[in-house]
Amino acid sequence: MAYGERWVCERCGRAWDTSQIPAEEYHGLLRRIRRRQLEAFGLGAALAAILIPLIAVVSASFIYLVPTAMAGWLFLYRPFWRRRVHRAAQSAPRWELHPE
C-alpha cells in the first residue's frame, strides 16, 4: 500500500487512511531504509569492479576468489547489514492511526 492511500479492512469494514502519518517522518524512514539498501548494492558493485578486471586482465586464476567473496558476503556482511536495517526499522517513529 502506498502512502496516502485509503484501506478498508475486509473483516471489520473499517477504513484507514495512511495520510494520517506525517509525511516528513514517513519519507525520512523510507530514505533511511533506501540508504541501507544502496550501501549493500554499492559494496557488491565495488567487489565486482575489483574482481572482474582482476579476472579479465591480470589472471583468470582470480576467479577462485569469487566463492570466497560470496561466502564473506553471505556469512559476514549480510548478517551485519540485516541487523542495521532492523535497527533502522525499529527506531522508526510509531504512528497511531484512527479509523475513519
PDB file of N, CA and C in Angstrom:
ATOM      1  N   MET A   1       0.851  -1.173   0.000  1.00  0.00           N
ATOM      2  CA  MET A   1       0.000   0.000   0.000  1.00  0.00           C
ATOM      3  C   MET A   1       0.894   1.232   0.000  1.00  0.00           C
ATOM      4  N   ALA A   2       0.591   2.191  -0.836  1.00  0.00           N
ATOM      5  CA  ALA A   2       1.372   3.416  -0.943  1.00  0.00           C
ATOM      6  C   ALA A   2       0.921   4.425   0.103  1.00  0.00           C
ATOM      7  N   TYR A   3       1.809   5.360   0.387  1.00  0.00           N
ATOM      8  CA  TYR A   3       1.494   6.412   1.351  1.00  0.00           C
ATOM      9  C   TYR A   3       0.320   7.238   0.833  1.00  0.00           C
ATOM     10  N   GLY A   4      -0.604   7.547   1.722  1.00  0.00           N
ATOM     11  CA  GLY A   4      -1.748   8.378   1.379  1.00  0.00           C
ATOM     12  C   GLY A   4      -2.951   7.610   0.866  1.00  0.00           C
ATOM     13  N   GLU A   5      -2.828   6.294   0.741  1.00  0.00           N
ATOM     14  CA  GLU A   5      -3.958   5.502   0.260  1.00  0.00           C
ATOM     15  C   GLU A   5      -4.925   5.200   1.396  1.00  0.00           C
ATOM     16  N   ARG A   6      -6.152   4.968   1.012  1.00  0.00           N
ATOM     17  CA  ARG A   6      -7.194   4.580   1.962  1.00  0.00           C
ATOM     18  C   ARG A   6      -7.361   3.075   1.854  1.00  0.00           C
ATOM     19  N   TRP A   7      -7.435   2.401   2.994  1.00  0.00           N
ATOM     20  CA  TRP A   7      -7.510   0.947   3.027  1.00  0.00           C
ATOM     21  C   TRP A   7      -8.708   0.544   3.871  1.00  0.00           C
ATOM     22  N   VAL A   8      -9.485  -0.426   3.389  1.00  0.00           N
ATOM     23  CA  VAL A   8     -10.664  -0.913   4.108  1.00  0.00           C
ATOM     24  C   VAL A   8     -10.400  -2.348   4.543  1.00  0.00           C
ATOM     25  N   CYS A   9     -10.579  -2.610   5.824  1.00  0.00           N
ATOM     26  CA  CYS A   9     -10.383  -3.951   6.371  1.00  0.00           C
ATOM     27  C   CYS A   9     -11.533  -4.841   5.907  1.00  0.00           C
ATOM     28  N   GLU A  10     -11.178  -6.012   5.379  1.00  0.00           N
ATOM     29  CA  GLU A  10     -12.203  -6.925   4.875  1.00  0.00           C
ATOM     30  C   GLU A  10     -12.998  -7.563   6.007  1.00  0.00           C
ATOM     31  N   ARG A  11     -12.362  -7.721   7.168  1.00  0.00           N
ATOM     32  CA  ARG A  11     -13.044  -8.378   8.289  1.00  0.00           C
ATOM     33  C   ARG A  11     -14.017  -7.456   9.014  1.00  0.00           C
ATOM     34  N   CYS A  12     -13.533  -6.265   9.396  1.00  0.00           N
ATOM     35  CA  CYS A  12     -14.387  -5.405  10.215  1.00  0.00           C
ATOM     36  C   CYS A  12     -15.035  -4.270   9.430  1.00  0.00           C
ATOM     37  N   GLY A  13     -14.553  -3.996   8.223  1.00  0.00           N
ATOM     38  CA  GLY A  13     -15.158  -2.969   7.389  1.00  0.00           C
ATOM     39  C   GLY A  13     -14.696  -1.555   7.698  1.00  0.00           C
ATOM     40  N   ARG A  14     -13.782  -1.401   8.666  1.00  0.00           N
ATOM     41  CA  ARG A  14     -13.301  -0.049   8.986  1.00  0.00           C
ATOM     42  C   ARG A  14     -12.318   0.422   7.918  1.00  0.00           C
ATOM     43  N   ALA A  15     -12.321   1.720   7.701  1.00  0.00           N
ATOM     44  CA  ALA A  15     -11.429   2.319   6.713  1.00  0.00           C
ATOM     45  C   ALA A  15     -10.293   3.039   7.419  1.00  0.00           C
ATOM     46  N   TRP A  16      -9.091   2.887   6.876  1.00  0.00           N
ATOM     47  CA  TRP A  16      -7.900   3.511   7.429  1.00  0.00           C
ATOM     48  C   TRP A  16      -7.261   4.366   6.347  1.00  0.00           C
ATOM     49  N   ASP A  17      -6.840   5.554   6.736  1.00  0.00           N
ATOM     50  CA  ASP A  17      -6.209   6.475   5.792  1.00  0.00           C
ATOM     51  C   ASP A  17      -4.758   6.678   6.213  1.00  0.00           C
ATOM     52  N   THR A  18      -3.823   6.265   5.363  1.00  0.00           N
ATOM     53  CA  THR A  18      -2.411   6.372   5.724  1.00  0.00           C
ATOM     54  C   THR A  18      -1.881   7.795   5.636  1.00  0.00           C
ATOM     55  N   SER A  19      -2.673   8.720   5.109  1.00  0.00           N
ATOM     56  CA  SER A  19      -2.206  10.115   5.087  1.00  0.00           C
ATOM     57  C   SER A  19      -2.242  10.740   6.480  1.00  0.00           C
ATOM     58  N   GLN A  20      -2.722   9.998   7.482  1.00  0.00           N
ATOM     59  CA  GLN A  20      -2.653  10.471   8.863  1.00  0.00           C
ATOM     60  C   GLN A  20      -1.214  10.465   9.373  1.00  0.00           C
ATOM     61  N   ILE A  21      -0.357   9.702   8.725  1.00  0.00           N
ATOM     62  CA  ILE A  21       1.059   9.643   9.093  1.00  0.00           C
ATOM     63  C   ILE A  21       1.725  10.925   8.603  1.00  0.00           C
ATOM     64  N   PRO A  22       2.519  11.591   9.450  1.00  0.00           N
ATOM     65  CA  PRO A  22       3.227  12.790   8.987  1.00  0.00           C
ATOM     66  C   PRO A  22       4.160  12.453   7.816  1.00  0.00           C
ATOM     67  N   ALA A  23       4.010  13.184   6.742  1.00  0.00           N
ATOM     68  CA  ALA A  23       4.740  12.878   5.501  1.00  0.00           C
ATOM     69  C   ALA A  23       6.255  12.933   5.700  1.00  0.00           C
ATOM     70  N   GLU A  24       6.761  13.920   6.430  1.00  0.00           N
ATOM     71  CA  GLU A  24       8.211  14.038   6.589  1.00  0.00           C
ATOM     72  C   GLU A  24       8.795  12.870   7.389  1.00  0.00           C
ATOM     73  N   GLU A  25       8.050  12.369   8.371  1.00  0.00           N
ATOM     74  CA  GLU A  25       8.522  11.212   9.134  1.00  0.00           C
ATOM     75  C   GLU A  25       8.519   9.954   8.263  1.00  0.00           C
ATOM     76  N   TYR A  26       7.473   9.774   7.496  1.00  0.00           N
ATOM     77  CA  TYR A  26       7.359   8.601   6.629  1.00  0.00           C
ATOM     78  C   TYR A  26       8.453   8.593   5.572  1.00  0.00           C
ATOM     79  N   HIS A  27       8.667   9.722   4.931  1.00  0.00           N
ATOM     80  CA  HIS A  27       9.688   9.797   3.884  1.00  0.00           C
ATOM     81  C   HIS A  27      11.092   9.704   4.476  1.00  0.00           C
ATOM     82  N   GLY A  28      11.279  10.193   5.691  1.00  0.00           N
ATOM     83  CA  GLY A  28      12.562  10.026   6.367  1.00  0.00           C
ATOM     84  C   GLY A  28      12.866   8.553   6.615  1.00  0.00           C
ATOM     85  N   LEU A  29      11.859   7.795   7.035  1.00  0.00           N
ATOM     86  CA  LEU A  29      12.033   6.357   7.237  1.00  0.00           C
ATOM     87  C   LEU A  29      12.382   5.664   5.920  1.00  0.00           C
ATOM     88  N   LEU A  30      11.684   6.008   4.860  1.00  0.00           N
ATOM     89  CA  LEU A  30      11.977   5.419   3.553  1.00  0.00           C
ATOM     90  C   LEU A  30      13.400   5.740   3.108  1.00  0.00           C
ATOM     91  N   ARG A  31      13.861   6.975   3.353  1.00  0.00           N
ATOM     92  CA  ARG A  31      15.229   7.355   2.989  1.00  0.00           C
ATOM     93  C   ARG A  31      16.252   6.519   3.745  1.00  0.00           C
ATOM     94  N   ARG A  32      16.020   6.306   5.051  1.00  0.00           N
ATOM     95  CA  ARG A  32      16.966   5.506   5.842  1.00  0.00           C
ATOM     96  C   ARG A  32      17.037   4.074   5.337  1.00  0.00           C
ATOM     97  N   ILE A  33      15.896   3.484   5.038  1.00  0.00           N
ATOM     98  CA  ILE A  33      15.871   2.108   4.548  1.00  0.00           C
ATOM     99  C   ILE A  33      16.525   2.030   3.165  1.00  0.00           C
ATOM    100  N   ARG A  34      16.210   2.987   2.288  1.00  0.00           N
ATOM    101  CA  ARG A  34      16.811   3.003   0.953  1.00  0.00           C
ATOM    102  C   ARG A  34      18.327   3.170   1.021  1.00  0.00           C
ATOM    103  N   ARG A  35      18.785   4.001   1.956  1.00  0.00           N
ATOM    104  CA  ARG A  35      20.223   4.214   2.110  1.00  0.00           C
ATOM    105  C   ARG A  35      20.921   2.905   2.470  1.00  0.00           C
ATOM    106  N   ARG A  36      20.316   2.130   3.356  1.00  0.00           N
ATOM    107  CA  ARG A  36      20.894   0.832   3.722  1.00  0.00           C
ATOM    108  C   ARG A  36      20.938  -0.109   2.520  1.00  0.00           C
ATOM    109  N   GLN A  37      19.895  -0.078   1.705  1.00  0.00           N
ATOM    110  CA  GLN A  37      19.872  -0.924   0.513  1.00  0.00           C
ATOM    111  C   GLN A  37      20.950  -0.492  -0.478  1.00  0.00           C
ATOM    112  N   LEU A  38      21.133   0.804  -0.641  1.00  0.00           N
ATOM    113  CA  LEU A  38      22.155   1.298  -1.558  1.00  0.00           C
ATOM    114  C   LEU A  38      23.560   0.980  -1.056  1.00  0.00           C
ATOM    115  N   GLU A  39      23.757   0.966   0.260  1.00  0.00           N
ATOM    116  CA  GLU A  39      25.058   0.595   0.811  1.00  0.00           C
ATOM    117  C   GLU A  39      25.402  -0.835   0.417  1.00  0.00           C
ATOM    118  N   ALA A  40      24.442  -1.737   0.551  1.00  0.00           N
ATOM    119  CA  ALA A  40      24.684  -3.135   0.186  1.00  0.00           C
ATOM    120  C   ALA A  40      24.955  -3.253  -1.313  1.00  0.00           C
ATOM    121  N   PHE A  41      24.177  -2.572  -2.128  1.00  0.00           N
ATOM    122  CA  PHE A  41      24.390  -2.609  -3.574  1.00  0.00           C
ATOM    123  C   PHE A  41      25.751  -2.025  -3.930  1.00  0.00           C
ATOM    124  N   GLY A  42      26.113  -0.932  -3.282  1.00  0.00           N
ATOM    125  CA  GLY A  42      27.407  -0.288  -3.552  1.00  0.00           C
ATOM    126  C   GLY A  42      28.578  -1.192  -3.218  1.00  0.00           C
ATOM    127  N   LEU A  43      28.491  -1.901  -2.094  1.00  0.00           N
ATOM    128  CA  LEU A  43      29.565  -2.813  -1.731  1.00  0.00           C
ATOM    129  C   LEU A  43      29.671  -3.950  -2.741  1.00  0.00           C
ATOM    130  N   GLY A  44      28.548  -4.498  -3.157  1.00  0.00           N
ATOM    131  CA  GLY A  44      28.563  -5.552  -4.169  1.00  0.00           C
ATOM    132  C   GLY A  44      29.134  -5.062  -5.488  1.00  0.00           C
ATOM    133  N   ALA A  45      28.770  -3.857  -5.874  1.00  0.00           N
ATOM    134  CA  ALA A  45      29.289  -3.286  -7.121  1.00  0.00           C
ATOM    135  C   ALA A  45      30.789  -3.028  -7.009  1.00  0.00           C
ATOM    136  N   ALA A  46      31.258  -2.584  -5.848  1.00  0.00           N
ATOM    137  CA  ALA A  46      32.692  -2.353  -5.650  1.00  0.00           C
ATOM    138  C   ALA A  46      33.467  -3.669  -5.729  1.00  0.00           C
ATOM    139  N   LEU A  47      32.929  -4.713  -5.110  1.00  0.00           N
ATOM    140  CA  LEU A  47      33.591  -6.021  -5.204  1.00  0.00           C
ATOM    141  C   LEU A  47      33.662  -6.500  -6.649  1.00  0.00           C
ATOM    142  N   ALA A  48      32.571  -6.336  -7.375  1.00  0.00           N
ATOM    143  CA  ALA A  48      32.548  -6.742  -8.783  1.00  0.00           C
ATOM    144  C   ALA A  48      33.524  -5.898  -9.602  1.00  0.00           C
ATOM    145  N   ALA A  49      33.603  -4.594  -9.301  1.00  0.00           N
ATOM    146  CA  ALA A  49      34.506  -3.705 -10.035  1.00  0.00           C
ATOM    147  C   ALA A  49      35.966  -4.055  -9.784  1.00  0.00           C
ATOM    148  N   ILE A  50      36.252  -4.669  -8.668  1.00  0.00           N
ATOM    149  CA  ILE A  50      37.622  -5.096  -8.377  1.00  0.00           C
ATOM    150  C   ILE A  50      37.898  -6.469  -8.983  1.00  0.00           C
ATOM    151  N   LEU A  51      36.977  -7.414  -8.767  1.00  0.00           N
ATOM    152  CA  LEU A  51      37.229  -8.790  -9.198  1.00  0.00           C
ATOM    153  C   LEU A  51      37.182  -8.981 -10.711  1.00  0.00           C
ATOM    154  N   ILE A  52      36.255  -8.337 -11.387  1.00  0.00           N
ATOM    155  CA  ILE A  52      36.120  -8.547 -12.835  1.00  0.00           C
ATOM    156  C   ILE A  52      37.386  -8.121 -13.594  1.00  0.00           C
ATOM    157  N   PRO A  53      37.941  -6.922 -13.338  1.00  0.00           N
ATOM    158  CA  PRO A  53      39.197  -6.592 -14.033  1.00  0.00           C
ATOM    159  C   PRO A  53      40.359  -7.504 -13.628  1.00  0.00           C
ATOM    160  N   LEU A  54      40.412  -7.915 -12.376  1.00  0.00           N
ATOM    161  CA  LEU A  54      41.465  -8.834 -11.971  1.00  0.00           C
ATOM    162  C   LEU A  54      41.392 -10.129 -12.759  1.00  0.00           C
ATOM    163  N   ILE A  55      40.180 -10.648 -12.912  1.00  0.00           N
ATOM    164  CA  ILE A  55      39.999 -11.902 -13.649  1.00  0.00           C
ATOM    165  C   ILE A  55      40.293 -11.703 -15.133  1.00  0.00           C
ATOM    166  N   ALA A  56      39.786 -10.610 -15.699  1.00  0.00           N
ATOM    167  CA  ALA A  56      39.901 -10.397 -17.146  1.00  0.00           C
ATOM    168  C   ALA A  56      41.296  -9.941 -17.576  1.00  0.00           C
ATOM    169  N   VAL A  57      41.955  -9.122 -16.765  1.00  0.00           N
ATOM    170  CA  VAL A  57      43.219  -8.515 -17.203  1.00  0.00           C
ATOM    171  C   VAL A  57      44.436  -9.189 -16.585  1.00  0.00           C
ATOM    172  N   VAL A  58      44.395  -9.421 -15.287  1.00  0.00           N
ATOM    173  CA  VAL A  58      45.588  -9.917 -14.608  1.00  0.00           C
ATOM    174  C   VAL A  58      45.749 -11.416 -14.786  1.00  0.00           C
ATOM    175  N   SER A  59      44.795 -12.176 -14.262  1.00  0.00           N
ATOM    176  CA  SER A  59      44.918 -13.626 -14.350  1.00  0.00           C
ATOM    177  C   SER A  59      43.555 -14.263 -14.123  1.00  0.00           C
ATOM    178  N   ALA A  60      43.266 -15.289 -14.876  1.00  0.00           N
ATOM    179  CA  ALA A  60      41.996 -15.994 -14.714  1.00  0.00           C
ATOM    180  C   ALA A  60      41.934 -16.765 -13.409  1.00  0.00           C
ATOM    181  N   SER A  61      43.078 -16.955 -12.771  1.00  0.00           N
ATOM    182  CA  SER A  61      43.084 -17.689 -11.503  1.00  0.00           C
ATOM    183  C   SER A  61      42.415 -16.888 -10.375  1.00  0.00           C
ATOM    184  N   PHE A  62      42.190 -15.597 -10.593  1.00  0.00           N
ATOM    185  CA  PHE A  62      41.478 -14.801  -9.586  1.00  0.00           C
ATOM    186  C   PHE A  62      40.005 -15.200  -9.487  1.00  0.00           C
ATOM    187  N   ILE A  63      39.546 -16.010 -10.426  1.00  0.00           N
ATOM    188  CA  ILE A  63      38.158 -16.479 -10.373  1.00  0.00           C
ATOM    189  C   ILE A  63      37.907 -17.294  -9.108  1.00  0.00           C
ATOM    190  N   TYR A  64      38.969 -17.861  -8.557  1.00  0.00           N
ATOM    191  CA  TYR A  64      38.826 -18.646  -7.328  1.00  0.00           C
ATOM    192  C   TYR A  64      38.538 -17.765  -6.109  1.00  0.00           C
ATOM    193  N   LEU A  65      38.712 -16.472  -6.241  1.00  0.00           N
ATOM    194  CA  LEU A  65      38.349 -15.552  -5.160  1.00  0.00           C
ATOM    195  C   LEU A  65      36.849 -15.295  -5.103  1.00  0.00           C
ATOM    196  N   VAL A  66      36.151 -15.548  -6.195  1.00  0.00           N
ATOM    197  CA  VAL A  66      34.709 -15.275  -6.251  1.00  0.00           C
ATOM    198  C   VAL A  66      33.940 -16.068  -5.190  1.00  0.00           C
ATOM    199  N   PRO A  67      34.152 -17.388  -5.043  1.00  0.00           N
ATOM    200  CA  PRO A  67      33.427 -18.096  -3.978  1.00  0.00           C
ATOM    201  C   PRO A  67      33.770 -17.581  -2.578  1.00  0.00           C
ATOM    202  N   THR A  68      35.022 -17.185  -2.378  1.00  0.00           N
ATOM    203  CA  THR A  68      35.424 -16.638  -1.084  1.00  0.00           C
ATOM    204  C   THR A  68      34.710 -15.315  -0.827  1.00  0.00           C
ATOM    205  N   ALA A  69      34.661 -14.466  -1.849  1.00  0.00           N
ATOM    206  CA  ALA A  69      33.966 -13.184  -1.702  1.00  0.00           C
ATOM    207  C   ALA A  69      32.482 -13.398  -1.459  1.00  0.00           C
ATOM    208  N   MET A  70      31.894 -14.359  -2.152  1.00  0.00           N
ATOM    209  CA  MET A  70      30.471 -14.639  -1.964  1.00  0.00           C
ATOM    210  C   MET A  70      30.197 -15.188  -0.566  1.00  0.00           C
ATOM    211  N   ALA A  71      31.069 -16.047  -0.074  1.00  0.00           N
ATOM    212  CA  ALA A  71      30.900 -16.584   1.280  1.00  0.00           C
ATOM    213  C   ALA A  71      31.048 -15.482   2.308  1.00  0.00           C
ATOM    214  N   GLY A  72      32.009 -14.587   2.098  1.00  0.00           N
ATOM    215  CA  GLY A  72      32.175 -13.446   3.002  1.00  0.00           C
ATOM    216  C   GLY A  72      30.941 -12.560   3.013  1.00  0.00           C
ATOM    217  N   TRP A  73      30.396 -12.350   1.831  1.00  0.00           N
ATOM    218  CA  TRP A  73      29.167 -11.559   1.720  1.00  0.00           C
ATOM    219  C   TRP A  73      28.027 -12.220   2.492  1.00  0.00           C
ATOM    220  N   LEU A  74      27.873 -13.522   2.273  1.00  0.00           N
ATOM    221  CA  LEU A  74      26.750 -14.245   2.857  1.00  0.00           C
ATOM    222  C   LEU A  74      26.875 -14.407   4.368  1.00  0.00           C
ATOM    223  N   PHE A  75      28.058 -14.761   4.847  1.00  0.00           N
ATOM    224  CA  PHE A  75      28.208 -15.102   6.258  1.00  0.00           C
ATOM    225  C   PHE A  75      28.734 -13.969   7.136  1.00  0.00           C
ATOM    226  N   LEU A  76      29.374 -12.968   6.549  1.00  0.00           N
ATOM    227  CA  LEU A  76      29.913 -11.871   7.351  1.00  0.00           C
ATOM    228  C   LEU A  76      29.124 -10.573   7.169  1.00  0.00           C
ATOM    229  N   TYR A  77      29.016 -10.130   5.913  1.00  0.00           N
ATOM    230  CA  TYR A  77      28.393  -8.827   5.684  1.00  0.00           C
ATOM    231  C   TYR A  77      26.880  -8.856   5.815  1.00  0.00           C
ATOM    232  N   ARG A  78      26.225  -9.850   5.250  1.00  0.00           N
ATOM    233  CA  ARG A  78      24.760  -9.883   5.226  1.00  0.00           C
ATOM    234  C   ARG A  78      24.129  -9.870   6.621  1.00  0.00           C
ATOM    235  N   PRO A  79      24.606 -10.666   7.586  1.00  0.00           N
ATOM    236  CA  PRO A  79      24.016 -10.575   8.930  1.00  0.00           C
ATOM    237  C   PRO A  79      24.212  -9.190   9.561  1.00  0.00           C
ATOM    238  N   PHE A  80      25.398  -8.608   9.344  1.00  0.00           N
ATOM    239  CA  PHE A  80      25.659  -7.252   9.847  1.00  0.00           C
ATOM    240  C   PHE A  80      24.696  -6.263   9.208  1.00  0.00           C
ATOM    241  N   TRP A  81      24.496  -6.363   7.894  1.00  0.00           N
ATOM    242  CA  TRP A  81      23.606  -5.459   7.170  1.00  0.00           C
ATOM    243  C   TRP A  81      22.161  -5.624   7.638  1.00  0.00           C
ATOM    244  N   ARG A  82      21.729  -6.870   7.828  1.00  0.00           N
ATOM    245  CA  ARG A  82      20.345  -7.114   8.270  1.00  0.00           C
ATOM    246  C   ARG A  82      20.095  -6.532   9.652  1.00  0.00           C
ATOM    247  N   ARG A  83      21.088  -6.622  10.539  1.00  0.00           N
ATOM    248  CA  ARG A  83      20.933  -6.007  11.868  1.00  0.00           C
ATOM    249  C   ARG A  83      20.789  -4.504  11.757  1.00  0.00           C
ATOM    250  N   ARG A  84      21.553  -3.876  10.864  1.00  0.00           N
ATOM    251  CA  ARG A  84      21.457  -2.424  10.685  1.00  0.00           C
ATOM    252  C   ARG A  84      20.096  -2.021  10.138  1.00  0.00           C
ATOM    253  N   VAL A  85      19.582  -2.777   9.177  1.00  0.00           N
ATOM    254  CA  VAL A  85      18.259  -2.482   8.608  1.00  0.00           C
ATOM    255  C   VAL A  85      17.192  -2.682   9.681  1.00  0.00           C
ATOM    256  N   HIS A  86      17.327  -3.725  10.465  1.00  0.00           N
ATOM    257  CA  HIS A  86      16.360  -3.994  11.537  1.00  0.00           C
ATOM    258  C   HIS A  86      16.382  -2.870  12.576  1.00  0.00           C
ATOM    259  N   ARG A  87      17.579  -2.406  12.945  1.00  0.00           N
ATOM    260  CA  ARG A  87      17.673  -1.293  13.900  1.00  0.00           C
ATOM    261  C   ARG A  87      17.048  -0.026  13.336  1.00  0.00           C
ATOM    262  N   ALA A  88      17.260   0.233  12.048  1.00  0.00           N
ATOM    263  CA  ALA A  88      16.668   1.415  11.413  1.00  0.00           C
ATOM    264  C   ALA A  88      15.150   1.324  11.440  1.00  0.00           C
ATOM    265  N   ALA A  89      14.615   0.138  11.186  1.00  0.00           N
ATOM    266  CA  ALA A  89      13.160  -0.029  11.207  1.00  0.00           C
ATOM    267  C   ALA A  89      12.621   0.065  12.633  1.00  0.00           C
ATOM    268  N   GLN A  90      13.353  -0.472  13.601  1.00  0.00           N
ATOM    269  CA  GLN A  90      12.901  -0.431  14.991  1.00  0.00           C
ATOM    270  C   GLN A  90      12.939   0.979  15.565  1.00  0.00           C
ATOM    271  N   SER A  91      13.863   1.800  15.079  1.00  0.00           N
ATOM    272  CA  SER A  91      13.967   3.163  15.597  1.00  0.00           C
ATOM    273  C   SER A  91      12.977   4.109  14.921  1.00  0.00           C
ATOM    274  N   ALA A  92      12.179   3.582  14.025  1.00  0.00           N
ATOM    275  CA  ALA A  92      11.190   4.408  13.327  1.00  0.00           C
ATOM    276  C   ALA A  92      10.137   4.898  14.314  1.00  0.00           C
ATOM    277  N   PRO A  93       9.602   6.070  14.064  1.00  0.00           N
ATOM    278  CA  PRO A  93       8.535   6.555  14.933  1.00  0.00           C
ATOM    279  C   PRO A  93       7.301   5.664  14.831  1.00  0.00           C
ATOM    280  N   ARG A  94       6.555   5.603  15.890  1.00  0.00           N
ATOM    281  CA  ARG A  94       5.308   4.817  15.917  1.00  0.00           C
ATOM    282  C   ARG A  94       4.144   5.772  15.674  1.00  0.00           C
ATOM    283  N   TRP A  95       3.251   5.365  14.819  1.00  0.00           N
ATOM    284  CA  TRP A  95       2.099   6.194  14.496  1.00  0.00           C
ATOM    285  C   TRP A  95       0.837   5.491  14.944  1.00  0.00           C
ATOM    286  N   GLU A  96      -0.076   6.251  15.497  1.00  0.00           N
ATOM    287  CA  GLU A  96      -1.362   5.690  15.905  1.00  0.00           C
ATOM    288  C   GLU A  96      -2.417   6.215  14.950  1.00  0.00           C
ATOM    289  N   LEU A  97      -2.863   5.342  14.078  1.00  0.00           N
ATOM    290  CA  LEU A  97      -3.875   5.721  13.109  1.00  0.00           C
ATOM    291  C   LEU A  97      -5.262   5.452  13.683  1.00  0.00           C
ATOM    292  N   HIS A  98      -6.183   6.301  13.314  1.00  0.00           N
ATOM    293  CA  HIS A  98      -7.556   6.142  13.776  1.00  0.00           C
ATOM    294  C   HIS A  98      -8.445   5.847  12.568  1.00  0.00           C
ATOM    295  N   PRO A  99      -9.360   4.884  12.712  1.00  0.00           N
ATOM    296  CA  PRO A  99     -10.237   4.550  11.576  1.00  0.00           C
ATOM    297  C   PRO A  99     -11.166   5.717  11.260  1.00  0.00           C
ATOM    298  N   GLU A 100     -11.574   5.757  10.014  1.00  0.00           N
ATOM    299  CA  GLU A 100     -12.497   6.824   9.595  1.00  0.00           C
ATOM    300  C   GLU A 100     -13.910   6.491   9.970  1.00  0.00           C
TER     301      GLU A 100
END
